[in-house]
PDB file of N, CA and C in Angstrom:
ATOM      1  N   MET A   1      -9.187   7.746  29.293  1.00  0.00           N
ATOM      2  CA  MET A   1      -7.191   7.247  28.514  1.00  0.00           C
ATOM      3  C   MET A   1      -6.755   9.066  28.104  1.00  0.00           C
ATOM      4  N   GLU A   2      -6.048   8.821  27.567  1.00  0.00           N
ATOM      5  CA  GLU A   2      -4.906   9.782  27.542  1.00  0.00           C
ATOM      6  C   GLU A   2      -4.533   9.481  26.188  1.00  0.00           C
ATOM      7  N   ALA A   3      -4.739  10.997  25.028  1.00  0.00           N
ATOM      8  CA  ALA A   3      -4.732  11.447  24.263  1.00  0.00           C
ATOM      9  C   ALA A   3      -3.682   9.788  23.090  1.00  0.00           C
ATOM     10  N   SER A   4      -1.899   9.785  24.416  1.00  0.00           N
ATOM     11  CA  SER A   4      -1.422   8.835  23.538  1.00  0.00           C
ATOM     12  C   SER A   4      -1.900   7.646  22.851  1.00  0.00           C
ATOM     13  N   GLU A   5      -2.621   7.080  24.584  1.00  0.00           N
ATOM     14  CA  GLU A   5      -3.263   5.906  23.972  1.00  0.00           C
ATOM     15  C   GLU A   5      -3.852   5.963  23.039  1.00  0.00           C
ATOM     16  N   LEU A   6      -4.764   7.051  22.518  1.00  0.00           N
ATOM     17  CA  LEU A   6      -5.622   6.465  21.702  1.00  0.00           C
ATOM     18  C   LEU A   6      -5.135   6.828  20.352  1.00  0.00           C
ATOM     19  N   ALA A   7      -3.752   7.458  19.962  1.00  0.00           N
ATOM     20  CA  ALA A   7      -3.428   7.474  18.630  1.00  0.00           C
ATOM     21  C   ALA A   7      -2.831   5.930  18.559  1.00  0.00           C
ATOM     22  N   GLN A   8      -1.815   5.375  19.360  1.00  0.00           N
ATOM     23  CA  GLN A   8      -1.595   4.509  19.161  1.00  0.00           C
ATOM     24  C   GLN A   8      -2.363   3.274  18.771  1.00  0.00           C
ATOM     25  N   ILE A   9      -3.159   3.348  19.437  1.00  0.00           N
ATOM     26  CA  ILE A   9      -4.181   2.446  18.726  1.00  0.00           C
ATOM     27  C   ILE A   9      -5.336   3.360  17.834  1.00  0.00           C
ATOM     28  N   LEU A  10      -5.099   3.989  17.259  1.00  0.00           N
ATOM     29  CA  LEU A  10      -5.265   4.836  16.250  1.00  0.00           C
ATOM     30  C   LEU A  10      -4.249   4.154  14.857  1.00  0.00           C
ATOM     31  N   LYS A  11      -2.485   4.810  15.058  1.00  0.00           N
ATOM     32  CA  LYS A  11      -2.072   4.069  14.264  1.00  0.00           C
ATOM     33  C   LYS A  11      -2.030   2.686  13.692  1.00  0.00           C
ATOM     34  N   THR A  12      -2.240   2.041  14.993  1.00  0.00           N
ATOM     35  CA  THR A  12      -2.607   0.128  14.643  1.00  0.00           C
ATOM     36  C   THR A  12      -2.985  -0.372  14.183  1.00  0.00           C
ATOM     37  N   MET A  13      -4.629   0.380  13.534  1.00  0.00           N
ATOM     38  CA  MET A  13      -5.519   0.340  14.156  1.00  0.00           C
ATOM     39  C   MET A  13      -4.632   1.093  11.882  1.00  0.00           C
ATOM     40  N   TYR A  14      -4.451   1.754  11.635  1.00  0.00           N
ATOM     41  CA  TYR A  14      -5.208   2.741  10.228  1.00  0.00           C
ATOM     42  C   TYR A  14      -3.833   2.033   9.452  1.00  0.00           C
ATOM     43  N   PHE A  15      -2.872   2.049  10.775  1.00  0.00           N
ATOM     44  CA  PHE A  15      -1.300   1.400   9.751  1.00  0.00           C
ATOM     45  C   PHE A  15      -1.828   0.000   9.103  1.00  0.00           C
ATOM     46  N   ASP A  16      -2.478  -1.410  10.233  1.00  0.00           N
ATOM     47  CA  ASP A  16      -2.375  -2.571  10.352  1.00  0.00           C
ATOM     48  C   ASP A  16      -3.835  -2.894   9.412  1.00  0.00           C
ATOM     49  N   SER A  17      -4.519  -2.000   8.803  1.00  0.00           N
ATOM     50  CA  SER A  17      -5.993  -2.253   8.582  1.00  0.00           C
ATOM     51  C   SER A  17      -5.346  -3.118   6.690  1.00  0.00           C
ATOM     52  N   LYS A  18      -6.259  -3.931   6.177  1.00  0.00           N
ATOM     53  CA  LYS A  18      -6.082  -4.497   5.072  1.00  0.00           C
ATOM     54  C   LYS A  18      -6.089  -3.181   3.732  1.00  0.00           C
ATOM     55  N   ASP A  19      -6.006  -3.536   2.718  1.00  0.00           N
ATOM     56  CA  ASP A  19      -5.410  -1.991   1.471  1.00  0.00           C
ATOM     57  C   ASP A  19      -7.214  -1.862   0.811  1.00  0.00           C
ATOM     58  N   GLY A  20      -7.024  -1.432   1.060  1.00  0.00           N
ATOM     59  CA  GLY A  20      -8.746  -0.558   0.640  1.00  0.00           C
ATOM     60  C   GLY A  20      -8.764   0.143   2.258  1.00  0.00           C
ATOM     61  N   GLU A  21      -9.311  -0.308   3.004  1.00  0.00           N
ATOM     62  CA  GLU A  21      -9.258  -0.356   4.682  1.00  0.00           C
ATOM     63  C   GLU A  21      -9.233   1.168   5.148  1.00  0.00           C
ATOM     64  N   ALA A  22      -8.562   1.344   5.257  1.00  0.00           N
ATOM     65  CA  ALA A  22      -8.093   2.394   5.898  1.00  0.00           C
ATOM     66  C   ALA A  22      -8.767   3.647   6.816  1.00  0.00           C
ATOM     67  N   VAL A  23      -9.363   4.737   5.793  1.00  0.00           N
ATOM     68  CA  VAL A  23     -10.396   4.783   6.050  1.00  0.00           C
ATOM     69  C   VAL A  23     -11.362   4.774   6.752  1.00  0.00           C
ATOM     70  N   ALA A  24     -11.878   3.802   6.451  1.00  0.00           N
ATOM     71  CA  ALA A  24     -12.782   2.846   7.675  1.00  0.00           C
ATOM     72  C   ALA A  24     -12.618   2.648   8.585  1.00  0.00           C
ATOM     73  N   MET A  25     -11.431   2.610   8.905  1.00  0.00           N
ATOM     74  CA  MET A  25     -10.720   2.294  10.224  1.00  0.00           C
ATOM     75  C   MET A  25     -11.262   3.715  10.714  1.00  0.00           C
ATOM     76  N   ILE A  26     -10.419   4.032   9.907  1.00  0.00           N
ATOM     77  CA  ILE A  26     -10.314   5.340  10.877  1.00  0.00           C
ATOM     78  C   ILE A  26     -12.284   6.010  12.082  1.00  0.00           C
ATOM     79  N   HIS A  27     -12.569   5.353  10.752  1.00  0.00           N
ATOM     80  CA  HIS A  27     -14.315   5.729  11.248  1.00  0.00           C
ATOM     81  C   HIS A  27     -14.507   5.130  12.401  1.00  0.00           C
ATOM     82  N   LEU A  28     -14.319   4.076  12.140  1.00  0.00           N
ATOM     83  CA  LEU A  28     -14.203   2.710  13.072  1.00  0.00           C
ATOM     84  C   LEU A  28     -13.221   3.485  14.519  1.00  0.00           C
ATOM     85  N   PHE A  29     -12.671   3.283  14.346  1.00  0.00           N
ATOM     86  CA  PHE A  29     -12.222   4.448  15.889  1.00  0.00           C
ATOM     87  C   PHE A  29     -12.875   4.803  16.164  1.00  0.00           C
ATOM     88  N   GLY A  30     -13.335   6.037  15.402  1.00  0.00           N
ATOM     89  CA  GLY A  30     -13.773   7.687  16.482  1.00  0.00           C
ATOM     90  C   GLY A  30     -15.452   6.280  16.977  1.00  0.00           C
ATOM     91  N   ILE A  31     -16.573   5.167  16.090  1.00  0.00           N
ATOM     92  CA  ILE A  31     -17.333   4.929  16.954  1.00  0.00           C
ATOM     93  C   ILE A  31     -16.499   4.122  18.147  1.00  0.00           C
ATOM     94  N   LYS A  32     -15.401   3.197  17.778  1.00  0.00           N
ATOM     95  CA  LYS A  32     -15.181   2.188  19.038  1.00  0.00           C
ATOM     96  C   LYS A  32     -14.834   3.152  20.172  1.00  0.00           C
ATOM     97  N   TYR A  33     -14.532   5.019  20.430  1.00  0.00           N
ATOM     98  CA  TYR A  33     -13.950   4.603  21.335  1.00  0.00           C
ATOM     99  C   TYR A  33     -14.114   6.878  21.341  1.00  0.00           C
ATOM    100  N   ARG A  34     -15.611   5.905  20.803  1.00  0.00           N
ATOM    101  CA  ARG A  34     -16.053   7.748  21.048  1.00  0.00           C
ATOM    102  C   ARG A  34     -15.772   9.021  22.438  1.00  0.00           C
ATOM    103  N   ASP A  35     -16.578   7.637  23.502  1.00  0.00           N
ATOM    104  CA  ASP A  35     -15.929   8.350  24.825  1.00  0.00           C
ATOM    105  C   ASP A  35     -15.155   8.781  24.955  1.00  0.00           C
ATOM    106  N   GLU A  36     -14.407   7.858  24.865  1.00  0.00           N
ATOM    107  CA  GLU A  36     -13.070   7.623  25.564  1.00  0.00           C
ATOM    108  C   GLU A  36     -12.484   9.871  24.631  1.00  0.00           C
ATOM    109  N   ILE A  37     -12.713   9.573  23.430  1.00  0.00           N
ATOM    110  CA  ILE A  37     -12.417  10.659  21.861  1.00  0.00           C
ATOM    111  C   ILE A  37     -12.532  12.169  22.528  1.00  0.00           C
ATOM    112  N   LYS A  38     -13.846  11.945  23.194  1.00  0.00           N
ATOM    113  CA  LYS A  38     -14.895  13.626  24.117  1.00  0.00           C
ATOM    114  C   LYS A  38     -13.573  13.518  25.073  1.00  0.00           C
ATOM    115  N   SER A  39     -14.167  12.332  26.231  1.00  0.00           N
ATOM    116  CA  SER A  39     -13.743  12.785  27.221  1.00  0.00           C
ATOM    117  C   SER A  39     -11.600  13.655  27.174  1.00  0.00           C
ATOM    118  N   CYS A  40     -10.821  13.120  26.158  1.00  0.00           N
ATOM    119  CA  CYS A  40      -9.185  13.460  26.084  1.00  0.00           C
ATOM    120  C   CYS A  40      -9.721  14.996  26.508  1.00  0.00           C
ATOM    121  N   ASP A  41      -8.610  15.636  26.446  1.00  0.00           N
ATOM    122  CA  ASP A  41      -8.206  17.254  26.711  1.00  0.00           C
ATOM    123  C   ASP A  41      -7.659  17.520  25.422  1.00  0.00           C
ATOM    124  N   THR A  42      -7.812  16.741  24.488  1.00  0.00           N
ATOM    125  CA  THR A  42      -7.514  17.029  23.111  1.00  0.00           C
ATOM    126  C   THR A  42      -8.468  16.841  22.019  1.00  0.00           C
ATOM    127  N   SER A  43      -7.851  17.659  20.674  1.00  0.00           N
ATOM    128  CA  SER A  43      -8.875  17.404  19.675  1.00  0.00           C
ATOM    129  C   SER A  43      -8.084  15.785  18.777  1.00  0.00           C
ATOM    130  N   SER A  44      -9.383  15.523  18.108  1.00  0.00           N
ATOM    131  CA  SER A  44      -9.962  14.643  17.696  1.00  0.00           C
ATOM    132  C   SER A  44      -8.236  14.730  16.159  1.00  0.00           C
ATOM    133  N   ALA A  45      -7.678  15.973  15.423  1.00  0.00           N
ATOM    134  CA  ALA A  45      -6.780  16.423  14.695  1.00  0.00           C
ATOM    135  C   ALA A  45      -5.459  16.054  15.686  1.00  0.00           C
ATOM    136  N   ASN A  46      -5.528  16.280  16.813  1.00  0.00           N
ATOM    137  CA  ASN A  46      -4.074  16.505  17.534  1.00  0.00           C
ATOM    138  C   ASN A  46      -4.246  14.505  17.590  1.00  0.00           C
ATOM    139  N   ILE A  47      -4.587  14.305  17.639  1.00  0.00           N
ATOM    140  CA  ILE A  47      -5.053  12.814  18.233  1.00  0.00           C
ATOM    141  C   ILE A  47      -4.744  12.058  16.879  1.00  0.00           C
ATOM    142  N   ALA A  48      -5.472  12.489  15.560  1.00  0.00           N
ATOM    143  CA  ALA A  48      -4.405  11.924  14.487  1.00  0.00           C
ATOM    144  C   ALA A  48      -3.282  12.142  14.449  1.00  0.00           C
ATOM    145  N   LYS A  49      -2.563  13.200  13.851  1.00  0.00           N
ATOM    146  CA  LYS A  49      -1.374  14.078  14.072  1.00  0.00           C
ATOM    147  C   LYS A  49      -0.906  12.987  15.265  1.00  0.00           C
ATOM    148  N   LEU A  50      -0.475  12.985  16.585  1.00  0.00           N
ATOM    149  CA  LEU A  50       0.404  11.843  17.014  1.00  0.00           C
ATOM    150  C   LEU A  50      -0.025  10.266  16.842  1.00  0.00           C
ATOM    151  N   ALA A  51      -0.783  10.209  16.064  1.00  0.00           N
ATOM    152  CA  ALA A  51      -0.554   9.099  15.142  1.00  0.00           C
ATOM    153  C   ALA A  51       0.314   8.698  13.953  1.00  0.00           C
ATOM    154  N   GLY A  52       0.078   9.848  13.775  1.00  0.00           N
ATOM    155  CA  GLY A  52       1.484  10.125  12.753  1.00  0.00           C
ATOM    156  C   GLY A  52       0.606   9.734  11.204  1.00  0.00           C
ATOM    157  N   VAL A  53      -0.911  10.458  11.216  1.00  0.00           N
ATOM    158  CA  VAL A  53      -1.839  10.123   9.582  1.00  0.00           C
ATOM    159  C   VAL A  53      -1.607  11.535   9.925  1.00  0.00           C
ATOM    160  N   SER A  54      -2.549  12.384   9.146  1.00  0.00           N
ATOM    161  CA  SER A  54      -2.322  13.481   8.623  1.00  0.00           C
ATOM    162  C   SER A  54      -3.304  13.987   9.388  1.00  0.00           C
ATOM    163  N   GLU A  55      -3.986  15.446  10.295  1.00  0.00           N
ATOM    164  CA  GLU A  55      -4.311  15.983  11.228  1.00  0.00           C
ATOM    165  C   GLU A  55      -6.277  16.466  10.053  1.00  0.00           C
ATOM    166  N   LYS A  56      -5.762  16.543   9.189  1.00  0.00           N
ATOM    167  CA  LYS A  56      -7.479  16.079   7.526  1.00  0.00           C
ATOM    168  C   LYS A  56      -7.894  15.107   8.386  1.00  0.00           C
ATOM    169  N   TYR A  57      -7.374  13.731   9.238  1.00  0.00           N
ATOM    170  CA  TYR A  57      -7.938  12.744   9.461  1.00  0.00           C
ATOM    171  C   TYR A  57      -9.213  13.440  10.909  1.00  0.00           C
ATOM    172  N   GLY A  58      -8.857  14.623  11.107  1.00  0.00           N
ATOM    173  CA  GLY A  58      -9.680  14.848  12.867  1.00  0.00           C
ATOM    174  C   GLY A  58     -10.732  14.701  12.262  1.00  0.00           C
ATOM    175  N   THR A  59     -11.530  15.214  11.146  1.00  0.00           N
ATOM    176  CA  THR A  59     -12.892  15.289  10.492  1.00  0.00           C
ATOM    177  C   THR A  59     -13.305  13.469  10.570  1.00  0.00           C
ATOM    178  N   GLU A  60     -12.570  13.254  10.022  1.00  0.00           N
ATOM    179  CA  GLU A  60     -12.760  11.619   9.716  1.00  0.00           C
ATOM    180  C   GLU A  60     -13.460  10.875  10.994  1.00  0.00           C
ATOM    181  N   ILE A  61     -12.248  10.817  12.537  1.00  0.00           N
ATOM    182  CA  ILE A  61     -12.304  10.588  13.416  1.00  0.00           C
ATOM    183  C   ILE A  61     -13.323  11.572  14.133  1.00  0.00           C
ATOM    184  N   ASN A  62     -13.562  12.283  14.063  1.00  0.00           N
ATOM    185  CA  ASN A  62     -15.462  12.562  14.387  1.00  0.00           C
ATOM    186  C   ASN A  62     -16.916  13.065  13.757  1.00  0.00           C
ATOM    187  N   LYS A  63     -16.541  12.273  12.592  1.00  0.00           N
ATOM    188  CA  LYS A  63     -17.464  11.558  11.733  1.00  0.00           C
ATOM    189  C   LYS A  63     -17.967   9.964  12.645  1.00  0.00           C
ATOM    190  N   GLY A  64     -16.310   9.584  12.919  1.00  0.00           N
ATOM    191  CA  GLY A  64     -16.801   7.883  13.418  1.00  0.00           C
ATOM    192  C   GLY A  64     -17.691   8.355  15.007  1.00  0.00           C
ATOM    193  N   CYS A  65     -16.953   9.435  15.327  1.00  0.00           N
ATOM    194  CA  CYS A  65     -18.195   9.703  17.175  1.00  0.00           C
ATOM    195  C   CYS A  65     -19.878   9.870  16.710  1.00  0.00           C
ATOM    196  N   LYS A  66     -19.610  10.882  15.736  1.00  0.00           N
ATOM    197  CA  LYS A  66     -20.795  11.174  15.847  1.00  0.00           C
ATOM    198  C   LYS A  66     -21.630   9.446  15.074  1.00  0.00           C
ATOM    199  N   LEU A  67     -21.339   9.149  14.246  1.00  0.00           N
ATOM    200  CA  LEU A  67     -21.733   7.821  13.997  1.00  0.00           C
ATOM    201  C   LEU A  67     -21.893   7.089  15.053  1.00  0.00           C
ATOM    202  N   GLY A  68     -21.452   7.104  16.144  1.00  0.00           N
ATOM    203  CA  GLY A  68     -20.731   5.888  17.443  1.00  0.00           C
ATOM    204  C   GLY A  68     -22.355   6.583  18.135  1.00  0.00           C
ATOM    205  N   LYS A  69     -23.310   7.462  18.081  1.00  0.00           N
ATOM    206  CA  LYS A  69     -24.429   7.242  18.289  1.00  0.00           C
ATOM    207  C   LYS A  69     -25.163   6.199  17.586  1.00  0.00           C
ATOM    208  N   TYR A  70     -25.098   5.618  16.633  1.00  0.00           N
ATOM    209  CA  TYR A  70     -26.700   5.384  15.654  1.00  0.00           C
ATOM    210  C   TYR A  70     -26.095   4.058  15.834  1.00  0.00           C
ATOM    211  N   VAL A  71     -24.895   3.928  15.622  1.00  0.00           N
ATOM    212  CA  VAL A  71     -24.736   1.871  15.258  1.00  0.00           C
ATOM    213  C   VAL A  71     -23.699   1.812  15.949  1.00  0.00           C
ATOM    214  N   SER A  72     -23.497  -0.359  16.194  1.00  0.00           N
ATOM    215  CA  SER A  72     -22.694  -0.522  16.718  1.00  0.00           C
ATOM    216  C   SER A  72     -21.378  -1.587  16.518  1.00  0.00           C
ATOM    217  N   ILE A  73     -20.710  -2.246  16.714  1.00  0.00           N
ATOM    218  CA  ILE A  73     -19.842  -3.161  16.107  1.00  0.00           C
ATOM    219  C   ILE A  73     -20.152  -4.629  16.025  1.00  0.00           C
ATOM    220  N   LYS A  74     -20.358  -4.889  15.173  1.00  0.00           N
ATOM    221  CA  LYS A  74     -20.709  -6.588  14.328  1.00  0.00           C
ATOM    222  C   LYS A  74     -19.041  -7.424  14.996  1.00  0.00           C
ATOM    223  N   SER A  75     -18.620  -7.368  14.490  1.00  0.00           N
ATOM    224  CA  SER A  75     -17.290  -7.542  14.580  1.00  0.00           C
ATOM    225  C   SER A  75     -16.234  -6.834  14.596  1.00  0.00           C
ATOM    226  N   VAL A  76     -14.833  -6.954  15.126  1.00  0.00           N
ATOM    227  CA  VAL A  76     -13.842  -6.881  13.983  1.00  0.00           C
ATOM    228  C   VAL A  76     -12.869  -7.683  13.367  1.00  0.00           C
ATOM    229  N   VAL A  77     -11.681  -7.744  12.586  1.00  0.00           N
ATOM    230  CA  VAL A  77     -11.548  -8.489  12.329  1.00  0.00           C
ATOM    231  C   VAL A  77      -9.706  -8.281  12.000  1.00  0.00           C
TER     232      VAL A  77
END
């Protein structure tokens, strides 16, 4: 998956999130797309930047990727 595709998914998850759940959606993005993020030729910070959110959220995406090894998604509402 290309960085631009990942960025579009992140953008949708972040900006369409319920009030107070935006950062949780960033973590969920990292969990759900960890394999695609790791195989992409760009950094998590750049994906965040392309999505129109702060590059600092790259750290939060990486946290989600690490959590992805240990958790599974129950449901996405």
